[in-house]
Amino acid sequence: ADSRGVSRAQVALTWVSRNPVVSAPIVGVGKARH
């Protein structure tokens, strides 16, 4: 995340979504930044 200049959440979610069997990760949103 630091090397890309993005948040940790973006990196972790991108990794999950790249699995070809995944249709949609379920993401909790408690704040606008989430």
PDB file of all heavy atoms in Angstrom:
ATOM      1  N   ALA A   1       0.833  -1.208   0.000  1.00  0.00           N
ATOM      2  CA  ALA A   1       0.000   0.000   0.000  1.00  0.00           C
ATOM      3  C   ALA A   1       0.863   1.251   0.000  1.00  0.00           C
ATOM      4  O   ALA A   1       0.613   2.211  -0.760  1.00  0.00           O
ATOM      5  CB  ALA A   1      -0.936  -0.018   1.207  1.00  0.00           C
ATOM      6  N   ASP A   2       1.895   1.254   0.829  1.00  0.00           N
ATOM      7  CA  ASP A   2       2.766   2.433   0.904  1.00  0.00           C
ATOM      8  C   ASP A   2       3.502   2.661  -0.407  1.00  0.00           C
ATOM      9  O   ASP A   2       3.661   3.808  -0.859  1.00  0.00           O
ATOM     10  CB  ASP A   2       3.772   2.261   2.044  1.00  0.00           C
ATOM     11  CG  ASP A   2       3.130   2.350   3.420  1.00  0.00           C
ATOM     12  OD1 ASP A   2       1.976   2.832   3.504  1.00  0.00           O
ATOM     13  OD2 ASP A   2       3.773   1.924   4.403  1.00  0.00           O
ATOM     14  N   SER A   3       3.948   1.577  -1.037  1.00  0.00           N
ATOM     15  CA  SER A   3       4.688   1.725  -2.297  1.00  0.00           C
ATOM     16  C   SER A   3       3.797   2.238  -3.422  1.00  0.00           C
ATOM     17  O   SER A   3       4.278   2.908  -4.337  1.00  0.00           O
ATOM     18  CB  SER A   3       5.321   0.398  -2.688  1.00  0.00           C
ATOM     19  OG  SER A   3       4.342  -0.555  -3.068  1.00  0.00           O
ATOM     20  N   ARG A   4       2.507   1.924  -3.343  1.00  0.00           N
ATOM     21  CA  ARG A   4       1.549   2.354  -4.362  1.00  0.00           C
ATOM     22  C   ARG A   4       0.909   3.707  -4.030  1.00  0.00           C
ATOM     23  O   ARG A   4       0.267   4.300  -4.883  1.00  0.00           O
ATOM     24  CB  ARG A   4       0.438   1.309  -4.513  1.00  0.00           C
ATOM     25  CG  ARG A   4       0.841   0.076  -5.241  1.00  0.00           C
ATOM     26  CD  ARG A   4       1.168   0.379  -6.714  1.00  0.00           C
ATOM     27  NE  ARG A   4       1.125  -0.820  -7.500  1.00  0.00           N
ATOM     28  CZ  ARG A   4       0.077  -1.226  -8.222  1.00  0.00           C
ATOM     29  NH1 ARG A   4      -1.022  -0.509  -8.238  1.00  0.00           N
ATOM     30  NH2 ARG A   4       0.140  -2.350  -8.898  1.00  0.00           N
ATOM     31  N   GLY A   5       1.022   4.128  -2.769  1.00  0.00           N
ATOM     32  CA  GLY A   5       0.350   5.350  -2.364  1.00  0.00           C
ATOM     33  C   GLY A   5      -1.149   5.184  -2.255  1.00  0.00           C
ATOM     34  O   GLY A   5      -1.912   6.122  -2.522  1.00  0.00           O
ATOM     35  N   VAL A   6      -1.584   3.974  -1.845  1.00  0.00           N
ATOM     36  CA  VAL A   6      -3.007   3.697  -1.681  1.00  0.00           C
ATOM     37  C   VAL A   6      -3.226   3.156  -0.281  1.00  0.00           C
ATOM     38  O   VAL A   6      -2.278   2.903   0.469  1.00  0.00           O
ATOM     39  CB  VAL A   6      -3.530   2.694  -2.738  1.00  0.00           C
ATOM     40  CG1 VAL A   6      -3.338   3.242  -4.148  1.00  0.00           C
ATOM     41  CG2 VAL A   6      -2.822   1.335  -2.586  1.00  0.00           C
ATOM     42  N   SER A   7      -4.468   2.946   0.093  1.00  0.00           N
ATOM     43  CA  SER A   7      -4.767   2.430   1.426  1.00  0.00           C
ATOM     44  C   SER A   7      -4.544   0.918   1.480  1.00  0.00           C
ATOM     45  O   SER A   7      -4.564   0.219   0.461  1.00  0.00           O
ATOM     46  CB  SER A   7      -6.218   2.746   1.806  1.00  0.00           C
ATOM     47  OG  SER A   7      -7.110   1.956   1.042  1.00  0.00           O
ATOM     48  N   ARG A   8      -4.356   0.417   2.685  1.00  0.00           N
ATOM     49  CA  ARG A   8      -4.236  -1.023   2.883  1.00  0.00           C
ATOM     50  C   ARG A   8      -5.512  -1.741   2.458  1.00  0.00           C
ATOM     51  O   ARG A   8      -5.459  -2.846   1.907  1.00  0.00           O
ATOM     52  CB  ARG A   8      -3.937  -1.327   4.351  1.00  0.00           C
ATOM     53  CG  ARG A   8      -2.605  -0.798   4.848  1.00  0.00           C
ATOM     54  CD  ARG A   8      -2.387  -1.166   6.295  1.00  0.00           C
ATOM     55  NE  ARG A   8      -1.141  -0.625   6.812  1.00  0.00           N
ATOM     56  CZ  ARG A   8      -0.358  -1.242   7.697  1.00  0.00           C
ATOM     57  NH1 ARG A   8      -0.706  -2.430   8.169  1.00  0.00           N
ATOM     58  NH2 ARG A   8       0.754  -0.685   8.122  1.00  0.00           N
ATOM     59  N   ALA A   9      -6.653  -1.120   2.740  1.00  0.00           N
ATOM     60  CA  ALA A   9      -7.931  -1.744   2.375  1.00  0.00           C
ATOM     61  C   ALA A   9      -8.018  -1.982   0.876  1.00  0.00           C
ATOM     62  O   ALA A   9      -8.512  -3.028   0.437  1.00  0.00           O
ATOM     63  CB  ALA A   9      -9.087  -0.878   2.849  1.00  0.00           C
ATOM     64  N   GLN A  10      -7.543  -1.034   0.087  1.00  0.00           N
ATOM     65  CA  GLN A  10      -7.594  -1.203  -1.361  1.00  0.00           C
ATOM     66  C   GLN A  10      -6.772  -2.409  -1.802  1.00  0.00           C
ATOM     67  O   GLN A  10      -7.201  -3.204  -2.645  1.00  0.00           O
ATOM     68  CB  GLN A  10      -7.083   0.061  -2.053  1.00  0.00           C
ATOM     69  CG  GLN A  10      -7.994   1.271  -1.906  1.00  0.00           C
ATOM     70  CD  GLN A  10      -7.421   2.507  -2.559  1.00  0.00           C
ATOM     71  OE1 GLN A  10      -6.873   2.441  -3.658  1.00  0.00           O
ATOM     72  NE2 GLN A  10      -7.534   3.634  -1.887  1.00  0.00           N
ATOM     73  N   VAL A  11      -5.600  -2.548  -1.229  1.00  0.00           N
ATOM     74  CA  VAL A  11      -4.731  -3.668  -1.604  1.00  0.00           C
ATOM     75  C   VAL A  11      -5.363  -5.000  -1.215  1.00  0.00           C
ATOM     76  O   VAL A  11      -5.420  -5.939  -2.018  1.00  0.00           O
ATOM     77  CB  VAL A  11      -3.355  -3.511  -0.933  1.00  0.00           C
ATOM     78  CG1 VAL A  11      -2.503  -4.767  -1.142  1.00  0.00           C
ATOM     79  CG2 VAL A  11      -2.636  -2.282  -1.467  1.00  0.00           C
ATOM     80  N   ALA A  12      -5.853  -5.091   0.015  1.00  0.00           N
ATOM     81  CA  ALA A  12      -6.418  -6.361   0.500  1.00  0.00           C
ATOM     82  C   ALA A  12      -7.666  -6.746  -0.278  1.00  0.00           C
ATOM     83  O   ALA A  12      -7.875  -7.930  -0.585  1.00  0.00           O
ATOM     84  CB  ALA A  12      -6.726  -6.249   1.984  1.00  0.00           C
ATOM     85  N   LEU A  13      -8.508  -5.776  -0.610  1.00  0.00           N
ATOM     86  CA  LEU A  13      -9.717  -6.069  -1.374  1.00  0.00           C
ATOM     87  C   LEU A  13      -9.391  -6.458  -2.810  1.00  0.00           C
ATOM     88  O   LEU A  13     -10.019  -7.361  -3.376  1.00  0.00           O
ATOM     89  CB  LEU A  13     -10.660  -4.870  -1.362  1.00  0.00           C
ATOM     90  CG  LEU A  13     -11.608  -4.744  -0.185  1.00  0.00           C
ATOM     91  CD1 LEU A  13     -12.389  -3.439  -0.266  1.00  0.00           C
ATOM     92  CD2 LEU A  13     -12.565  -5.925  -0.128  1.00  0.00           C
ATOM     93  N   THR A  14      -8.433  -5.776  -3.402  1.00  0.00           N
ATOM     94  CA  THR A  14      -8.038  -6.111  -4.767  1.00  0.00           C
ATOM     95  C   THR A  14      -7.545  -7.539  -4.841  1.00  0.00           C
ATOM     96  O   THR A  14      -7.865  -8.285  -5.777  1.00  0.00           O
ATOM     97  CB  THR A  14      -6.948  -5.148  -5.261  1.00  0.00           C
ATOM     98  OG1 THR A  14      -7.476  -3.816  -5.303  1.00  0.00           O
ATOM     99  CG2 THR A  14      -6.457  -5.534  -6.644  1.00  0.00           C
ATOM    100  N   TRP A  15      -6.781  -7.966  -3.830  1.00  0.00           N
ATOM    101  CA  TRP A  15      -6.284  -9.338  -3.812  1.00  0.00           C
ATOM    102  C   TRP A  15      -7.442 -10.333  -3.776  1.00  0.00           C
ATOM    103  O   TRP A  15      -7.430 -11.351  -4.489  1.00  0.00           O
ATOM    104  CB  TRP A  15      -5.352  -9.554  -2.616  1.00  0.00           C
ATOM    105  CG  TRP A  15      -4.810 -10.946  -2.559  1.00  0.00           C
ATOM    106  CD1 TRP A  15      -3.683 -11.415  -3.175  1.00  0.00           C
ATOM    107  CD2 TRP A  15      -5.398 -12.065  -1.884  1.00  0.00           C
ATOM    108  NE1 TRP A  15      -3.542 -12.766  -2.926  1.00  0.00           N
ATOM    109  CE2 TRP A  15      -4.575 -13.184  -2.134  1.00  0.00           C
ATOM    110  CE3 TRP A  15      -6.532 -12.219  -1.099  1.00  0.00           C
ATOM    111  CZ2 TRP A  15      -4.862 -14.446  -1.620  1.00  0.00           C
ATOM    112  CZ3 TRP A  15      -6.821 -13.482  -0.580  1.00  0.00           C
ATOM    113  CH2 TRP A  15      -5.981 -14.573  -0.846  1.00  0.00           C
ATOM    114  N   VAL A  16      -8.446 -10.089  -2.972  1.00  0.00           N
ATOM    115  CA  VAL A  16      -9.602 -10.997  -2.899  1.00  0.00           C
ATOM    116  C   VAL A  16     -10.336 -11.031  -4.231  1.00  0.00           C
ATOM    117  O   VAL A  16     -10.675 -12.105  -4.748  1.00  0.00           O
ATOM    118  CB  VAL A  16     -10.557 -10.565  -1.765  1.00  0.00           C
ATOM    119  CG1 VAL A  16     -11.879 -11.332  -1.851  1.00  0.00           C
ATOM    120  CG2 VAL A  16      -9.914 -10.794  -0.399  1.00  0.00           C
ATOM    121  N   SER A  17     -10.577  -9.876  -4.813  1.00  0.00           N
ATOM    122  CA  SER A  17     -11.380  -9.794  -6.042  1.00  0.00           C
ATOM    123  C   SER A  17     -10.697 -10.438  -7.235  1.00  0.00           C
ATOM    124  O   SER A  17     -11.374 -10.824  -8.199  1.00  0.00           O
ATOM    125  CB  SER A  17     -11.700  -8.334  -6.353  1.00  0.00           C
ATOM    126  OG  SER A  17     -12.532  -7.764  -5.367  1.00  0.00           O
ATOM    127  N   ARG A  18      -9.378 -10.547  -7.205  1.00  0.00           N
ATOM    128  CA  ARG A  18      -8.673 -11.089  -8.366  1.00  0.00           C
ATOM    129  C   ARG A  18      -8.844 -12.596  -8.498  1.00  0.00           C
ATOM    130  O   ARG A  18      -8.557 -13.165  -9.557  1.00  0.00           O
ATOM    131  CB  ARG A  18      -7.183 -10.716  -8.312  1.00  0.00           C
ATOM    132  CG  ARG A  18      -6.408 -11.430  -7.229  1.00  0.00           C
ATOM    133  CD  ARG A  18      -4.979 -10.863  -7.094  1.00  0.00           C
ATOM    134  NE  ARG A  18      -4.203 -11.039  -8.286  1.00  0.00           N
ATOM    135  CZ  ARG A  18      -3.526 -12.141  -8.602  1.00  0.00           C
ATOM    136  NH1 ARG A  18      -3.559 -13.196  -7.784  1.00  0.00           N
ATOM    137  NH2 ARG A  18      -2.824 -12.228  -9.707  1.00  0.00           N
ATOM    138  N   ASN A  19      -9.337 -13.277  -7.451  1.00  0.00           N
ATOM    139  CA  ASN A  19      -9.593 -14.704  -7.555  1.00  0.00           C
ATOM    140  C   ASN A  19     -10.750 -14.924  -8.530  1.00  0.00           C
ATOM    141  O   ASN A  19     -11.828 -14.359  -8.352  1.00  0.00           O
ATOM    142  CB  ASN A  19      -9.945 -15.276  -6.178  1.00  0.00           C
ATOM    143  CG  ASN A  19      -9.962 -16.786  -6.162  1.00  0.00           C
ATOM    144  OD1 ASN A  19     -10.590 -17.416  -7.005  1.00  0.00           O
ATOM    145  ND2 ASN A  19      -9.284 -17.388  -5.199  1.00  0.00           N
ATOM    146  N   PRO A  20     -10.574 -15.734  -9.549  1.00  0.00           N
ATOM    147  CA  PRO A  20     -11.609 -15.860 -10.593  1.00  0.00           C
ATOM    148  C   PRO A  20     -12.941 -16.421 -10.119  1.00  0.00           C
ATOM    149  O   PRO A  20     -13.954 -16.228 -10.804  1.00  0.00           O
ATOM    150  CB  PRO A  20     -10.960 -16.772 -11.644  1.00  0.00           C
ATOM    151  CG  PRO A  20      -9.844 -17.466 -10.924  1.00  0.00           C
ATOM    152  CD  PRO A  20      -9.372 -16.508  -9.885  1.00  0.00           C
ATOM    153  N   VAL A  21     -13.001 -17.117  -8.984  1.00  0.00           N
ATOM    154  CA  VAL A  21     -14.290 -17.640  -8.524  1.00  0.00           C
ATOM    155  C   VAL A  21     -15.085 -16.593  -7.740  1.00  0.00           C
ATOM    156  O   VAL A  21     -16.267 -16.799  -7.469  1.00  0.00           O
ATOM    157  CB  VAL A  21     -14.138 -18.907  -7.652  1.00  0.00           C
ATOM    158  CG1 VAL A  21     -13.422 -20.000  -8.412  1.00  0.00           C
ATOM    159  CG2 VAL A  21     -13.453 -18.606  -6.340  1.00  0.00           C
ATOM    160  N   VAL A  22     -14.442 -15.490  -7.373  1.00  0.00           N
ATOM    161  CA  VAL A  22     -15.109 -14.469  -6.567  1.00  0.00           C
ATOM    162  C   VAL A  22     -15.989 -13.595  -7.452  1.00  0.00           C
ATOM    163  O   VAL A  22     -15.520 -13.008  -8.425  1.00  0.00           O
ATOM    164  CB  VAL A  22     -14.079 -13.605  -5.813  1.00  0.00           C
ATOM    165  CG1 VAL A  22     -14.748 -12.393  -5.172  1.00  0.00           C
ATOM    166  CG2 VAL A  22     -13.369 -14.429  -4.752  1.00  0.00           C
ATOM    167  N   SER A  23     -17.273 -13.525  -7.115  1.00  0.00           N
ATOM    168  CA  SER A  23     -18.179 -12.615  -7.811  1.00  0.00           C
ATOM    169  C   SER A  23     -18.150 -11.227  -7.181  1.00  0.00           C
ATOM    170  O   SER A  23     -18.045 -10.218  -7.874  1.00  0.00           O
ATOM    171  CB  SER A  23     -19.615 -13.153  -7.770  1.00  0.00           C
ATOM    172  OG  SER A  23     -19.751 -14.323  -8.525  1.00  0.00           O
ATOM    173  N   ALA A  24     -18.245 -11.172  -5.843  1.00  0.00           N
ATOM    174  CA  ALA A  24     -18.298  -9.885  -5.165  1.00  0.00           C
ATOM    175  C   ALA A  24     -17.945 -10.052  -3.694  1.00  0.00           C
ATOM    176  O   ALA A  24     -18.679 -10.726  -2.971  1.00  0.00           O
ATOM    177  CB  ALA A  24     -19.687  -9.253  -5.301  1.00  0.00           C
ATOM    178  N   PRO A  25     -16.852  -9.441  -3.224  1.00  0.00           N
ATOM    179  CA  PRO A  25     -16.604  -9.440  -1.790  1.00  0.00           C
ATOM    180  C   PRO A  25     -17.691  -8.650  -1.066  1.00  0.00           C
ATOM    181  O   PRO A  25     -18.232  -7.677  -1.609  1.00  0.00           O
ATOM    182  CB  PRO A  25     -15.249  -8.730  -1.656  1.00  0.00           C
ATOM    183  CG  PRO A  25     -14.666  -8.705  -3.029  1.00  0.00           C
ATOM    184  CD  PRO A  25     -15.812  -8.735  -3.979  1.00  0.00           C
ATOM    185  N   ILE A  26     -17.990  -9.042   0.152  1.00  0.00           N
ATOM    186  CA  ILE A  26     -18.981  -8.332   0.959  1.00  0.00           C
ATOM    187  C   ILE A  26     -18.236  -7.367   1.870  1.00  0.00           C
ATOM    188  O   ILE A  26     -17.452  -7.781   2.731  1.00  0.00           O
ATOM    189  CB  ILE A  26     -19.830  -9.320   1.771  1.00  0.00           C
ATOM    190  CG1 ILE A  26     -20.589 -10.228   0.799  1.00  0.00           C
ATOM    191  CG2 ILE A  26     -20.790  -8.596   2.694  1.00  0.00           C
ATOM    192  CD1 ILE A  26     -21.293 -11.370   1.465  1.00  0.00           C
ATOM    193  N   VAL A  27     -18.485  -6.085   1.656  1.00  0.00           N
ATOM    194  CA  VAL A  27     -17.702  -5.046   2.312  1.00  0.00           C
ATOM    195  C   VAL A  27     -18.575  -4.258   3.279  1.00  0.00           C
ATOM    196  O   VAL A  27     -19.608  -3.706   2.892  1.00  0.00           O
ATOM    197  CB  VAL A  27     -17.083  -4.084   1.268  1.00  0.00           C
ATOM    198  CG1 VAL A  27     -16.225  -3.032   1.957  1.00  0.00           C
ATOM    199  CG2 VAL A  27     -16.249  -4.860   0.255  1.00  0.00           C
ATOM    200  N   GLY A  28     -18.155  -4.210   4.524  1.00  0.00           N
ATOM    201  CA  GLY A  28     -18.843  -3.380   5.499  1.00  0.00           C
ATOM    202  C   GLY A  28     -18.403  -1.938   5.367  1.00  0.00           C
ATOM    203  O   GLY A  28     -17.209  -1.656   5.212  1.00  0.00           O
ATOM    204  N   VAL A  29     -19.352  -1.030   5.414  1.00  0.00           N
ATOM    205  CA  VAL A  29     -19.060   0.400   5.260  1.00  0.00           C
ATOM    206  C   VAL A  29     -19.634   1.138   6.462  1.00  0.00           C
ATOM    207  O   VAL A  29     -20.842   1.343   6.566  1.00  0.00           O
ATOM    208  CB  VAL A  29     -19.657   0.954   3.944  1.00  0.00           C
ATOM    209  CG1 VAL A  29     -19.519   2.474   3.880  1.00  0.00           C
ATOM    210  CG2 VAL A  29     -18.977   0.305   2.746  1.00  0.00           C
ATOM    211  N   GLY A  30     -18.749   1.519   7.375  1.00  0.00           N
ATOM    212  CA  GLY A  30     -19.177   2.277   8.541  1.00  0.00           C
ATOM    213  C   GLY A  30     -18.818   3.738   8.467  1.00  0.00           C
ATOM    214  O   GLY A  30     -19.296   4.553   9.267  1.00  0.00           O
ATOM    215  N   LYS A  31     -17.975   4.077   7.484  1.00  0.00           N
ATOM    216  CA  LYS A  31     -17.556   5.457   7.268  1.00  0.00           C
ATOM    217  C   LYS A  31     -17.443   5.690   5.771  1.00  0.00           C
ATOM    218  O   LYS A  31     -17.247   4.748   4.998  1.00  0.00           O
ATOM    219  CB  LYS A  31     -16.211   5.733   7.947  1.00  0.00           C
ATOM    220  CG  LYS A  31     -16.241   5.572   9.463  1.00  0.00           C
ATOM    221  CD  LYS A  31     -14.868   5.799  10.063  1.00  0.00           C
ATOM    222  CE  LYS A  31     -14.907   5.615  11.582  1.00  0.00           C
ATOM    223  NZ  LYS A  31     -13.568   5.785  12.192  1.00  0.00           N
ATOM    224  N   ALA A  32     -17.523   6.943   5.353  1.00  0.00           N
ATOM    225  CA  ALA A  32     -17.489   7.253   3.926  1.00  0.00           C
ATOM    226  C   ALA A  32     -16.197   6.753   3.272  1.00  0.00           C
ATOM    227  O   ALA A  32     -16.212   6.269   2.137  1.00  0.00           O
ATOM    228  CB  ALA A  32     -17.641   8.760   3.717  1.00  0.00           C
ATOM    229  N   ARG A  33     -15.094   6.837   3.992  1.00  0.00           N
ATOM    230  CA  ARG A  33     -13.817   6.406   3.407  1.00  0.00           C
ATOM    231  C   ARG A  33     -13.780   4.897   3.156  1.00  0.00           C
ATOM    232  O   ARG A  33     -13.032   4.437   2.283  1.00  0.00           O
ATOM    233  CB  ARG A  33     -12.654   6.837   4.283  1.00  0.00           C
ATOM    234  CG  ARG A  33     -12.618   6.222   5.668  1.00  0.00           C
ATOM    235  CD  ARG A  33     -11.397   6.718   6.441  1.00  0.00           C
ATOM    236  NE  ARG A  33     -11.424   6.300   7.825  1.00  0.00           N
ATOM    237  CZ  ARG A  33     -11.014   5.118   8.259  1.00  0.00           C
ATOM    238  NH1 ARG A  33     -10.557   4.229   7.386  1.00  0.00           N
ATOM    239  NH2 ARG A  33     -11.052   4.800   9.546  1.00  0.00           N
ATOM    240  N   HIS A  34     -14.575   4.130   3.903  1.00  0.00           N
ATOM    241  CA  HIS A  34     -14.624   2.686   3.649  1.00  0.00           C
ATOM    242  C   HIS A  34     -15.187   2.414   2.254  1.00  0.00           C
ATOM    243  O   HIS A  34     -14.692   1.551   1.527  1.00  0.00           O
ATOM    244  CB  HIS A  34     -15.491   1.990   4.694  1.00  0.00           C
ATOM    245  CG  HIS A  34     -14.961   2.103   6.090  1.00  0.00           C
ATOM    246  ND1 HIS A  34     -15.740   1.858   7.207  1.00  0.00           N
ATOM    247  CD2 HIS A  34     -13.728   2.433   6.551  1.00  0.00           C
ATOM    248  CE1 HIS A  34     -15.015   2.037   8.288  1.00  0.00           C
ATOM    249  NE2 HIS A  34     -13.792   2.384   7.927  1.00  0.00           N
TER     250      HIS A  34
END
